[in-house]
Each structure stands twice: as C-alpha cells, then as structure tokens.
Amino acid sequence: QVQLLESGGGLVQAGGSLRLACAASGIRFTNYHMAWFRQAPGKEREFVAALLRTGSVTHYADSVKGRFTVSRDSAKNTVYLQMNGLRPEDTGVYYCATTTRASVFSAARTSPSEWYSWGQGTQVTVSS
C-alpha cells in the first residue's frame, strides 16, 4: 500500500525559503514518478513540479521555474521540494503525489488525474 506523508510547511515572509519533504512507503522510486501539486483556497489543484522515476528528469510549472527545485533521497525514500524566493501567490496546501503512468512523460503530467496516490498535504503561507 502506497503512503505519502508531507512535512515542512509553515509561515514565511515573501522572499524566504522552505523545504518540503514527502516520505514515501510502499513504493520504490525507480518504479514510480513523483510530483508536487498545490491548491490555494477557492482554486483548483495545480501542478508545481515532477521528478520522473529515472531520478534525473524534472519538470516545473512556469510560475516556479528558477525558484523551486525537486529532488529525492532514495536511501530515505523521500522527495523534497526546495522553495526559494517565495511569493504570496505561492500560498496554498502542497501535496505530494505518485504514479506509474507513462502519460507523465508528456504534458499530461500537469493533470492531477494522472497521479493516483496522494499525501494529506502541508500548508505553506507566504506573507507580503
């Protein structure tokens, strides 16, 4: 059974940094793609970043390119999202997700429906 547990959220001032972690159990990173999504109040869940199972291929939403970095520690079965230069519009609940679907090699990776296991989320609030 796949379980994902996010941590590391909090309140930070604009321009600050946070590192989110997603501890995974029941999967092997070599077989699973990993992603981060976020959801602001009243808005749909949106794609933030993905790390494909190779461990070397990453994708980012245009809004976070150059500021966020996704990585993993296979020994700890943990995926990270390093967030620098945070902005108030980055506020939301951040979710970790995983899938084995090949569709994520295409732009379909940005659709939440392609990811079938989710964590409970961690709140990130950026004050101006």
C-alpha atoms as a PDB file:
ATOM      1  CA  GLN A   1       0.000   0.000   0.000  1.00  0.00           C
ATOM      2  CA  VAL A   2       1.368   3.394  -1.021  1.00  0.00           C
ATOM      3  CA  GLN A   3       1.589   6.024   1.686  1.00  0.00           C
ATOM      4  CA  LEU A   4       2.877   9.568   1.289  1.00  0.00           C
ATOM      5  CA  LEU A   5       3.473  11.940   4.199  1.00  0.00           C
ATOM      6  CA  GLU A   6       4.352  15.577   3.610  1.00  0.00           C
ATOM      7  CA  SER A   7       6.093  17.860   6.084  1.00  0.00           C
ATOM      8  CA  GLY A   8       7.975  21.150   6.191  1.00  0.00           C
ATOM      9  CA  GLY A   9       5.212  23.650   5.546  1.00  0.00           C
ATOM     10  CA  GLY A  10       4.815  26.822   7.544  1.00  0.00           C
ATOM     11  CA  LEU A  11       4.563  30.594   7.544  1.00  0.00           C
ATOM     12  CA  VAL A  12       7.321  32.550   5.815  1.00  0.00           C
ATOM     13  CA  GLN A  13       7.813  36.102   4.611  1.00  0.00           C
ATOM     14  CA  ALA A  14       7.998  36.927   0.938  1.00  0.00           C
ATOM     15  CA  GLY A  15      11.476  36.231  -0.385  1.00  0.00           C
ATOM     16  CA  GLY A  16      12.063  33.488   2.139  1.00  0.00           C
ATOM     17  CA  SER A  17      12.638  29.770   1.694  1.00  0.00           C
ATOM     18  CA  LEU A  18      11.106  26.482   2.788  1.00  0.00           C
ATOM     19  CA  ARG A  19      11.946  22.873   2.085  1.00  0.00           C
ATOM     20  CA  LEU A  20       9.087  20.427   1.892  1.00  0.00           C
ATOM     21  CA  ALA A  21       9.613  16.706   2.339  1.00  0.00           C
ATOM     22  CA  CYS A  22       7.485  13.768   1.234  1.00  0.00           C
ATOM     23  CA  ALA A  23       8.254  10.477   2.946  1.00  0.00           C
ATOM     24  CA  ALA A  24       7.053   7.555   0.840  1.00  0.00           C
ATOM     25  CA  SER A  25       6.354   3.986   1.862  1.00  0.00           C
ATOM     26  CA  GLY A  26       5.185   1.059  -0.193  1.00  0.00           C
ATOM     27  CA  ILE A  27       6.988   2.183  -3.356  1.00  0.00           C
ATOM     28  CA  ARG A  28      10.417   2.091  -4.963  1.00  0.00           C
ATOM     29  CA  PHE A  29      11.493   5.337  -6.560  1.00  0.00           C
ATOM     30  CA  THR A  30      12.951   3.523  -9.534  1.00  0.00           C
ATOM     31  CA  ASN A  31       9.433   2.419 -10.470  1.00  0.00           C
ATOM     32  CA  TYR A  32       7.416   5.498  -9.543  1.00  0.00           C
ATOM     33  CA  HIS A  33       7.243   9.075 -10.749  1.00  0.00           C
ATOM     34  CA  MET A  34       6.809  11.752  -8.084  1.00  0.00           C
ATOM     35  CA  ALA A  35       5.203  15.171  -8.195  1.00  0.00           C
ATOM     36  CA  TRP A  36       4.208  18.177  -6.149  1.00  0.00           C
ATOM     37  CA  PHE A  37       0.900  19.968  -6.614  1.00  0.00           C
ATOM     38  CA  ARG A  38      -0.603  22.857  -4.691  1.00  0.00           C
ATOM     39  CA  GLN A  39      -4.064  24.187  -4.065  1.00  0.00           C
ATOM     40  CA  ALA A  40      -4.957  27.698  -2.989  1.00  0.00           C
ATOM     41  CA  PRO A  41      -8.317  28.473  -1.365  1.00  0.00           C
ATOM     42  CA  GLY A  42     -11.079  28.579  -3.953  1.00  0.00           C
ATOM     43  CA  LYS A  43      -8.790  27.390  -6.742  1.00  0.00           C
ATOM     44  CA  GLU A  44      -8.148  24.122  -8.500  1.00  0.00           C
ATOM     45  CA  ARG A  45      -5.204  21.941  -7.646  1.00  0.00           C
ATOM     46  CA  GLU A  46      -2.280  22.881  -9.862  1.00  0.00           C
ATOM     47  CA  PHE A  47       0.935  21.202 -10.921  1.00  0.00           C
ATOM     48  CA  VAL A  48       4.152  22.508  -9.387  1.00  0.00           C
ATOM     49  CA  ALA A  49       6.951  20.057 -10.184  1.00  0.00           C
ATOM     50  CA  ALA A  50       7.665  16.464 -11.149  1.00  0.00           C
ATOM     51  CA  LEU A  51      10.602  14.145 -10.790  1.00  0.00           C
ATOM     52  CA  LEU A  52      10.370  11.177 -13.104  1.00  0.00           C
ATOM     53  CA  ARG A  53      11.421   7.714 -11.988  1.00  0.00           C
ATOM     54  CA  THR A  54      14.834   7.994 -13.652  1.00  0.00           C
ATOM     55  CA  GLY A  55      15.733  10.478 -10.945  1.00  0.00           C
ATOM     56  CA  SER A  56      17.311  12.834 -13.447  1.00  0.00           C
ATOM     57  CA  VAL A  57      14.332  14.230 -15.357  1.00  0.00           C
ATOM     58  CA  THR A  58      12.448  17.103 -13.790  1.00  0.00           C
ATOM     59  CA  HIS A  59       9.630  19.357 -14.921  1.00  0.00           C
ATOM     60  CA  TYR A  60       8.362  22.579 -13.414  1.00  0.00           C
ATOM     61  CA  ALA A  61       5.409  24.890 -13.768  1.00  0.00           C
ATOM     62  CA  ASP A  62       6.426  28.153 -15.422  1.00  0.00           C
ATOM     63  CA  SER A  63       5.441  30.037 -12.276  1.00  0.00           C
ATOM     64  CA  VAL A  64       8.105  28.291 -10.163  1.00  0.00           C
ATOM     65  CA  LYS A  65      10.955  27.747 -12.648  1.00  0.00           C
ATOM     66  CA  GLY A  66      14.228  29.054 -11.310  1.00  0.00           C
ATOM     67  CA  ARG A  67      12.874  29.260  -7.761  1.00  0.00           C
ATOM     68  CA  PHE A  68      11.838  25.690  -6.851  1.00  0.00           C
ATOM     69  CA  THR A  69      13.879  22.501  -7.076  1.00  0.00           C
ATOM     70  CA  VAL A  70      12.589  18.951  -6.752  1.00  0.00           C
ATOM     71  CA  SER A  71      14.941  16.170  -5.691  1.00  0.00           C
ATOM     72  CA  ARG A  72      14.942  12.820  -3.952  1.00  0.00           C
ATOM     73  CA  ASP A  73      16.946  10.789  -1.477  1.00  0.00           C
ATOM     74  CA  SER A  74      16.405   7.163  -2.456  1.00  0.00           C
ATOM     75  CA  ALA A  75      18.073   5.886   0.704  1.00  0.00           C
ATOM     76  CA  LYS A  76      15.466   7.729   2.770  1.00  0.00           C
ATOM     77  CA  ASN A  77      12.623   7.160   0.285  1.00  0.00           C
ATOM     78  CA  THR A  78      11.945  10.869   0.479  1.00  0.00           C
ATOM     79  CA  VAL A  79      11.254  13.510  -2.137  1.00  0.00           C
ATOM     80  CA  TYR A  80      11.967  17.163  -1.471  1.00  0.00           C
ATOM     81  CA  LEU A  81      10.753  20.471  -2.817  1.00  0.00           C
ATOM     82  CA  GLN A  82      13.176  23.302  -2.115  1.00  0.00           C
ATOM     83  CA  MET A  83      11.334  26.588  -2.467  1.00  0.00           C
ATOM     84  CA  ASN A  84      13.309  29.826  -2.680  1.00  0.00           C
ATOM     85  CA  GLY A  85      12.189  33.356  -3.407  1.00  0.00           C
ATOM     86  CA  LEU A  86       8.709  32.615  -2.108  1.00  0.00           C
ATOM     87  CA  ARG A  87       5.871  34.916  -3.115  1.00  0.00           C
ATOM     88  CA  PRO A  88       2.400  35.440  -1.606  1.00  0.00           C
ATOM     89  CA  GLU A  89       0.924  33.708  -4.663  1.00  0.00           C
ATOM     90  CA  ASP A  90       2.789  30.537  -3.654  1.00  0.00           C
ATOM     91  CA  THR A  91       0.462  30.206  -0.666  1.00  0.00           C
ATOM     92  CA  GLY A  92      -1.563  27.014  -0.545  1.00  0.00           C
ATOM     93  CA  VAL A  93      -1.667  23.415   0.541  1.00  0.00           C
ATOM     94  CA  TYR A  94       1.142  21.461  -1.069  1.00  0.00           C
ATOM     95  CA  TYR A  95       0.548  17.825  -1.955  1.00  0.00           C
ATOM     96  CA  CYS A  96       2.917  15.050  -2.868  1.00  0.00           C
ATOM     97  CA  ALA A  97       1.699  12.549  -5.462  1.00  0.00           C
ATOM     98  CA  THR A  98       2.916   9.452  -7.235  1.00  0.00           C
ATOM     99  CA  THR A  99       2.080   7.390 -10.285  1.00  0.00           C
ATOM    100  CA  THR A 100       3.491   4.770 -12.617  1.00  0.00           C
ATOM    101  CA  ARG A 101       1.604   6.045 -15.660  1.00  0.00           C
ATOM    102  CA  ALA A 102       3.664   6.675 -18.776  1.00  0.00           C
ATOM    103  CA  SER A 103       1.428   9.640 -19.577  1.00  0.00           C
ATOM    104  CA  VAL A 104       3.551  11.784 -17.273  1.00  0.00           C
ATOM    105  CA  PHE A 105       6.308  11.773 -19.885  1.00  0.00           C
ATOM    106  CA  SER A 106       4.028  14.165 -21.751  1.00  0.00           C
ATOM    107  CA  ALA A 107       2.310  17.391 -20.793  1.00  0.00           C
ATOM    108  CA  ALA A 108      -0.387  15.239 -19.226  1.00  0.00           C
ATOM    109  CA  ARG A 109       1.822  15.233 -16.124  1.00  0.00           C
ATOM    110  CA  THR A 110       0.227  18.527 -15.126  1.00  0.00           C
ATOM    111  CA  SER A 111      -3.200  16.910 -14.694  1.00  0.00           C
ATOM    112  CA  PRO A 112      -4.000  15.682 -11.166  1.00  0.00           C
ATOM    113  CA  SER A 113      -5.966  12.791 -12.683  1.00  0.00           C
ATOM    114  CA  GLU A 114      -2.717  11.180 -13.919  1.00  0.00           C
ATOM    115  CA  TRP A 115      -1.467  10.809 -10.332  1.00  0.00           C
ATOM    116  CA  TYR A 116      -3.235   8.184  -8.281  1.00  0.00           C
ATOM    117  CA  SER A 117      -1.734   8.314  -4.800  1.00  0.00           C
ATOM    118  CA  TRP A 118      -1.669  11.473  -2.699  1.00  0.00           C
ATOM    119  CA  GLY A 119      -0.477  12.658   0.651  1.00  0.00           C
ATOM    120  CA  GLN A 120      -2.585  14.665   3.069  1.00  0.00           C
ATOM    121  CA  GLY A 121      -0.861  17.958   2.249  1.00  0.00           C
ATOM    122  CA  THR A 122       1.137  20.568   4.130  1.00  0.00           C
ATOM    123  CA  GLN A 123       0.185  24.234   4.406  1.00  0.00           C
ATOM    124  CA  VAL A 124       2.517  26.910   3.049  1.00  0.00           C
ATOM    125  CA  THR A 125       1.678  30.528   3.790  1.00  0.00           C
ATOM    126  CA  VAL A 126       3.742  33.390   2.388  1.00  0.00           C
ATOM    127  CA  SER A 127       3.127  36.806   3.866  1.00  0.00           C
ATOM    128  CA  SER A 128       3.801  40.023   1.980  1.00  0.00           C
END
